């Protein structure tokens, strides 16, 4: 299981690298646009591109955030449960979230196909929109994979909480 976790963590880190590039591109484009507006030469379509890069940034950073457990968790009730039950709740939560993001991924793929078939483009730059929706689907798919692995890990811990306490046993 550790090998699978390591592969998934590397993939999540790769996706996060793409998200970082998108953020840098967003900041650079926004700064250039503001600067050029001072000289009355704004960048056409900057708002569109920043919006699309924002979608890539958010969706591609989800998996790494989940790997790092960087999300907000309200667990004051779960803390009162036994160790085995806490692991079971974590497994159930990860499983439900994995299913949800699998459905979101599928719906994004279907939506992107429709956008591609209809020839949907952005207003100013006439840039195709469907590649960005496919990107959102990829980010959601990566998050779903991370959550499925987390579900398996937490399930194994719920079955045998003794090995969960001792890292040498895993």
Protein backbone atom coordinates (compact mmCIF):
# COMPACT_ATOMS: atom_id res chain seq x y z
CA UNK A 1 0.00 0.00 0.00
CA UNK A 2 2.89 2.39 0.70
CA UNK A 3 4.06 2.09 -2.90
CA UNK A 4 0.62 3.09 -4.21
CA UNK A 5 0.49 5.99 -1.76
CA UNK A 6 3.90 7.21 -2.96
CA UNK A 7 2.86 7.08 -6.63
CA UNK A 8 -0.36 8.95 -5.88
CA UNK A 9 1.54 11.55 -3.83
CA UNK A 10 3.96 12.12 -6.73
CA UNK A 11 1.08 12.52 -9.17
CA UNK A 12 -0.61 14.96 -6.79
CA UNK A 13 2.66 16.90 -6.53
CA UNK A 14 2.89 17.01 -10.34
CA UNK A 15 -0.67 18.35 -10.58
CA UNK A 16 0.17 20.86 -7.86
CA UNK A 17 3.16 22.01 -9.93
CA UNK A 18 0.81 22.74 -12.81
CA UNK A 19 -1.42 24.66 -10.37
CA UNK A 20 1.59 26.71 -9.24
CA UNK A 21 2.42 27.56 -12.84
CA UNK A 22 -1.20 28.66 -13.36
CA UNK A 23 -1.02 30.95 -10.31
CA UNK A 24 2.23 32.53 -11.49
CA UNK A 25 0.73 33.02 -14.94
CA UNK A 26 -2.39 34.60 -13.39
CA UNK A 27 -0.33 36.99 -11.29
CA UNK A 28 1.97 37.90 -14.17
CA UNK A 29 -0.89 38.50 -16.56
CA UNK A 30 -2.84 40.55 -14.03
CA UNK A 31 0.18 42.70 -13.16
CA UNK A 32 1.02 43.26 -16.82
CA UNK A 33 -2.57 44.15 -17.61
CA UNK A 34 -2.73 46.67 -14.76
CA UNK A 35 0.61 48.14 -15.76
CA UNK A 36 -0.35 48.42 -19.43
CA UNK A 37 -3.70 49.98 -18.49
CA UNK A 38 -1.71 52.90 -17.09
CA UNK A 39 -0.45 53.45 -20.64
CA UNK A 40 -3.93 52.87 -22.10
CA UNK A 41 -3.00 49.53 -23.69
CA UNK A 42 -4.71 46.78 -21.69
CA UNK A 43 -4.21 43.15 -22.65
CA UNK A 44 -7.27 41.96 -24.59
CA UNK A 45 -8.92 38.94 -22.98
CA UNK A 46 -6.85 39.11 -19.80
CA UNK A 47 -9.98 38.66 -17.68
CA UNK A 48 -10.94 35.52 -19.63
CA UNK A 49 -7.49 33.96 -19.42
CA UNK A 50 -7.20 34.70 -15.69
CA UNK A 51 -10.59 33.05 -15.13
CA UNK A 52 -9.59 29.94 -17.05
CA UNK A 53 -6.22 29.74 -15.32
CA UNK A 54 -8.06 30.11 -12.01
CA UNK A 55 -10.15 27.06 -12.81
CA UNK A 56 -6.97 25.08 -13.55
CA UNK A 57 -5.29 26.38 -10.40
CA UNK A 58 -8.14 25.36 -8.12
CA UNK A 59 -8.84 21.97 -9.67
CA UNK A 60 -5.19 20.94 -9.98
CA UNK A 61 -4.35 21.91 -6.38
CA UNK A 62 -7.18 19.85 -4.83
CA UNK A 63 -5.32 16.53 -4.80
CA UNK A 64 -2.18 17.86 -3.11
CA UNK A 65 -4.29 19.67 -0.53
CA UNK A 66 -6.00 16.38 0.27
CA UNK A 67 -2.68 14.50 0.46
CA UNK A 68 -1.34 17.13 2.88
CA UNK A 69 -4.67 17.16 4.76
CA UNK A 70 -4.68 20.93 4.29
CA UNK A 71 -8.45 21.17 4.24
CA UNK A 72 -10.59 22.44 7.08
CA UNK A 73 -11.94 19.67 9.28
CA UNK A 74 -14.41 19.98 12.10
CA UNK A 75 -13.84 16.87 14.12
CA UNK A 76 -14.91 17.71 17.66
CA UNK A 77 -17.42 14.83 17.59
CA UNK A 78 -15.11 12.35 15.91
CA UNK A 79 -12.37 12.98 18.51
CA UNK A 80 -14.60 11.44 21.16
CA UNK A 81 -14.91 8.13 19.30
CA UNK A 82 -12.65 5.14 19.78
CA UNK A 83 -9.59 4.87 17.55
CA UNK A 84 -11.13 2.12 15.41
CA UNK A 85 -14.37 4.04 14.96
CA UNK A 86 -12.46 7.24 14.06
CA UNK A 87 -10.60 5.35 11.34
CA UNK A 88 -13.89 3.91 10.08
CA UNK A 89 -15.46 7.39 9.95
CA UNK A 90 -12.42 8.72 8.06
CA UNK A 91 -12.67 5.80 5.61
CA UNK A 92 -16.39 6.37 5.08
CA UNK A 93 -15.85 10.11 4.59
CA UNK A 94 -13.02 9.54 2.08
CA UNK A 95 -15.12 6.96 0.22
CA UNK A 96 -18.14 9.24 -0.07
CA UNK A 97 -15.99 12.17 -1.19
CA UNK A 98 -14.19 9.94 -3.73
CA UNK A 99 -17.54 8.92 -5.21
CA UNK A 100 -18.67 12.55 -5.32
CA UNK A 101 -15.56 13.70 -7.16
CA UNK A 102 -15.79 10.73 -9.51
CA UNK A 103 -19.29 11.89 -10.46
CA UNK A 104 -18.07 15.49 -10.81
CA UNK A 105 -15.25 14.28 -13.07
CA UNK A 106 -17.67 12.33 -15.25
CA UNK A 107 -20.05 15.28 -15.53
CA UNK A 108 -17.18 17.61 -16.46
CA UNK A 109 -16.13 15.21 -19.21
CA UNK A 110 -19.68 15.08 -20.56
CA UNK A 111 -19.95 18.87 -20.36
CA UNK A 112 -16.60 19.34 -22.12
CA UNK A 113 -17.75 17.00 -24.91
CA UNK A 114 -20.89 19.10 -25.35
CA UNK A 115 -18.83 22.32 -25.40
CA UNK A 116 -16.49 20.84 -28.00
CA UNK A 117 -19.36 19.59 -30.17
CA UNK A 118 -21.08 22.97 -30.05
CA UNK A 119 -17.85 24.86 -30.74
CA UNK A 120 -18.16 27.00 -27.60
CA UNK A 121 -15.47 29.67 -27.39
CA UNK A 122 -14.68 32.55 -25.05
CA UNK A 123 -16.15 35.95 -25.84
CA UNK A 124 -13.11 38.11 -26.42
CA UNK A 125 -10.34 35.80 -27.57
CA UNK A 126 -12.57 33.22 -29.27
CA UNK A 127 -10.55 30.56 -27.43
CA UNK A 128 -12.09 27.07 -27.07
CA UNK A 129 -13.43 26.51 -23.56
CA UNK A 130 -13.58 22.71 -23.54
CA UNK A 131 -9.86 22.09 -22.82
CA UNK A 132 -10.20 23.93 -19.53
CA UNK A 133 -13.26 21.88 -18.57
CA UNK A 134 -11.26 18.73 -19.38
CA UNK A 135 -8.58 20.17 -17.07
CA UNK A 136 -11.13 20.53 -14.29
CA UNK A 137 -12.15 16.91 -14.90
CA UNK A 138 -8.50 15.82 -14.64
CA UNK A 139 -8.09 17.67 -11.35
CA UNK A 140 -11.25 16.09 -9.95
CA UNK A 141 -10.12 12.65 -11.16
CA UNK A 142 -6.78 13.08 -9.40
CA UNK A 143 -8.56 14.10 -6.20
CA UNK A 144 -10.86 11.08 -6.49
CA UNK A 145 -7.82 8.79 -6.81
CA UNK A 146 -6.24 10.35 -3.71
CA UNK A 147 -9.51 9.89 -1.82
CA UNK A 148 -9.90 6.25 -2.92
CA UNK A 149 -6.39 5.53 -1.66
CA UNK A 150 -7.15 7.35 1.60
CA UNK A 151 -10.33 5.30 1.93
CA UNK A 152 -8.34 2.10 1.56
CA UNK A 153 -5.68 3.24 4.06
CA UNK A 154 -8.24 4.32 6.67
CA UNK A 155 -10.19 1.09 6.13
CA UNK A 156 -7.08 -0.97 6.78
CA UNK A 157 -6.40 1.07 9.90
CA UNK A 158 -9.98 0.53 11.07
CA UNK A 159 -9.61 -3.22 10.61
CA UNK A 160 -6.28 -3.36 12.43
CA UNK A 161 -5.69 -0.24 14.55
CA UNK A 162 -2.61 -1.78 16.24
CA UNK A 163 -0.52 -1.49 13.06
CA UNK A 164 -1.80 2.06 12.61
CA UNK A 165 -0.12 3.11 15.87
CA UNK A 166 3.23 1.59 14.97
CA UNK A 167 4.58 2.99 11.68
CA UNK A 168 7.13 0.15 11.44
CA UNK A 169 4.30 -2.38 11.02
CA UNK A 170 2.82 -0.75 7.92
